[in-house]
C-alpha atoms as a PDB file:
ATOM      1  CA  UNK A   1     -27.429  10.919   1.567  1.00  0.00           C
ATOM      2  CA  UNK A   2     -24.466  11.663  -0.655  1.00  0.00           C
ATOM      3  CA  UNK A   3     -22.166  14.304   0.756  1.00  0.00           C
ATOM      4  CA  UNK A   4     -20.147  16.566  -1.442  1.00  0.00           C
ATOM      5  CA  UNK A   5     -16.648  17.845  -0.652  1.00  0.00           C
ATOM      6  CA  UNK A   6     -17.997  21.296   0.142  1.00  0.00           C
ATOM      7  CA  UNK A   7     -20.452  19.747   2.638  1.00  0.00           C
ATOM      8  CA  UNK A   8     -17.553  18.592   4.813  1.00  0.00           C
ATOM      9  CA  UNK A   9     -16.153  20.786   7.539  1.00  0.00           C
ATOM     10  CA  UNK A  10     -12.567  22.015   7.127  1.00  0.00           C
ATOM     11  CA  UNK A  11     -11.477  19.499   9.775  1.00  0.00           C
ATOM     12  CA  UNK A  12     -13.158  16.636   7.903  1.00  0.00           C
ATOM     13  CA  UNK A  13     -11.574  17.768   4.639  1.00  0.00           C
ATOM     14  CA  UNK A  14      -8.116  17.782   6.276  1.00  0.00           C
ATOM     15  CA  UNK A  15      -8.736  14.314   7.721  1.00  0.00           C
ATOM     16  CA  UNK A  16      -9.707  12.931   4.319  1.00  0.00           C
ATOM     17  CA  UNK A  17      -6.596  14.467   2.742  1.00  0.00           C
ATOM     18  CA  UNK A  18      -4.266  13.137   5.450  1.00  0.00           C
ATOM     19  CA  UNK A  19      -5.715   9.610   5.397  1.00  0.00           C
ATOM     20  CA  UNK A  20      -5.629   9.572   1.589  1.00  0.00           C
ATOM     21  CA  UNK A  21      -2.026  10.773   1.561  1.00  0.00           C
ATOM     22  CA  UNK A  22      -0.968   8.084   4.023  1.00  0.00           C
ATOM     23  CA  UNK A  23      -2.708   5.421   1.911  1.00  0.00           C
ATOM     24  CA  UNK A  24      -0.986   6.610  -1.273  1.00  0.00           C
ATOM     25  CA  UNK A  25       2.402   6.785   0.436  1.00  0.00           C
ATOM     26  CA  UNK A  26       1.973   3.271   1.819  1.00  0.00           C
ATOM     27  CA  UNK A  27       1.007   1.902  -1.598  1.00  0.00           C
ATOM     28  CA  UNK A  28       3.857   3.738  -3.355  1.00  0.00           C
ATOM     29  CA  UNK A  29       6.341   2.391  -0.805  1.00  0.00           C
ATOM     30  CA  UNK A  30       5.027  -1.155  -1.243  1.00  0.00           C
ATOM     31  CA  UNK A  31       5.157  -0.935  -5.065  1.00  0.00           C
ATOM     32  CA  UNK A  32       8.689   0.468  -4.928  1.00  0.00           C
ATOM     33  CA  UNK A  33       9.782  -2.309  -2.591  1.00  0.00           C
ATOM     34  CA  UNK A  34       8.180  -4.915  -4.866  1.00  0.00           C
ATOM     35  CA  UNK A  35       9.860  -3.460  -7.959  1.00  0.00           C
ATOM     36  CA  UNK A  36      13.333  -3.354  -6.416  1.00  0.00           C
ATOM     37  CA  UNK A  37      13.236  -6.629  -4.465  1.00  0.00           C
ATOM     38  CA  UNK A  38      14.955  -9.633  -6.138  1.00  0.00           C
ATOM     39  CA  UNK A  39      12.586 -12.360  -7.360  1.00  0.00           C
ATOM     40  CA  UNK A  40      13.869 -14.897  -4.820  1.00  0.00           C
ATOM     41  CA  UNK A  41      12.738 -12.569  -2.011  1.00  0.00           C
ATOM     42  CA  UNK A  42       9.107 -12.364  -3.205  1.00  0.00           C
ATOM     43  CA  UNK A  43       6.492 -14.837  -1.956  1.00  0.00           C
ATOM     44  CA  UNK A  44       4.394 -15.627  -5.017  1.00  0.00           C
ATOM     45  CA  UNK A  45       3.758 -13.772  -8.242  1.00  0.00           C
ATOM     46  CA  UNK A  46       4.943 -10.195  -8.690  1.00  0.00           C
ATOM     47  CA  UNK A  47       1.916  -9.445 -10.885  1.00  0.00           C
ATOM     48  CA  UNK A  48      -0.471 -10.712  -8.209  1.00  0.00           C
ATOM     49  CA  UNK A  49       1.254  -8.655  -5.521  1.00  0.00           C
ATOM     50  CA  UNK A  50       1.242  -5.550  -7.740  1.00  0.00           C
ATOM     51  CA  UNK A  51      -2.529  -5.890  -8.167  1.00  0.00           C
ATOM     52  CA  UNK A  52      -3.106  -6.688  -4.496  1.00  0.00           C
ATOM     53  CA  UNK A  53      -1.166  -3.620  -3.354  1.00  0.00           C
ATOM     54  CA  UNK A  54      -3.802  -1.525  -5.164  1.00  0.00           C
ATOM     55  CA  UNK A  55      -6.412  -2.666  -2.604  1.00  0.00           C
ATOM     56  CA  UNK A  56      -6.653   0.149  -0.059  1.00  0.00           C
ATOM     57  CA  UNK A  57      -4.803  -0.445   3.207  1.00  0.00           C
ATOM     58  CA  UNK A  58      -5.112  -4.238   3.053  1.00  0.00           C
ATOM     59  CA  UNK A  59      -2.855  -4.768   0.030  1.00  0.00           C
ATOM     60  CA  UNK A  60       0.189  -2.755   1.120  1.00  0.00           C
ATOM     61  CA  UNK A  61      -0.012  -4.070   4.672  1.00  0.00           C
ATOM     62  CA  UNK A  62      -0.314  -7.646   3.365  1.00  0.00           C
ATOM     63  CA  UNK A  63       2.753  -7.072   1.181  1.00  0.00           C
ATOM     64  CA  UNK A  64       4.861  -5.944   4.125  1.00  0.00           C
ATOM     65  CA  UNK A  65       3.594  -8.815   6.280  1.00  0.00           C
ATOM     66  CA  UNK A  66       3.412 -11.813   3.903  1.00  0.00           C
ATOM     67  CA  UNK A  67       4.786 -10.826   0.495  1.00  0.00           C
ATOM     68  CA  UNK A  68       8.454 -10.458   1.328  1.00  0.00           C
ATOM     69  CA  UNK A  69      11.032 -13.057   2.206  1.00  0.00           C
ATOM     70  CA  UNK A  70      14.143 -12.103   4.130  1.00  0.00           C
ATOM     71  CA  UNK A  71      17.382 -11.824   2.113  1.00  0.00           C
ATOM     72  CA  UNK A  72      19.267 -15.135   1.829  1.00  0.00           C
ATOM     73  CA  UNK A  73      21.907 -13.942   4.313  1.00  0.00           C
ATOM     74  CA  UNK A  74      19.219 -13.532   7.009  1.00  0.00           C
ATOM     75  CA  UNK A  75      17.379 -16.835   6.448  1.00  0.00           C
END
């Protein structure tokens, strides 16, 4: 059964909007961090990470966990 937006209760609609907003904010933050981080602080290819961040929830969280290296002063 395919549900349409209007089939959802107001509470369900709000939940979808909040979860979607959090996902977009997380992805935007990860892409911004990737774009501004120096190349020597990125584990792997920037292009691969940029594509991976587009994968809902998993990509941005993976970026923050495994994609970044600490700055040289903190290594």
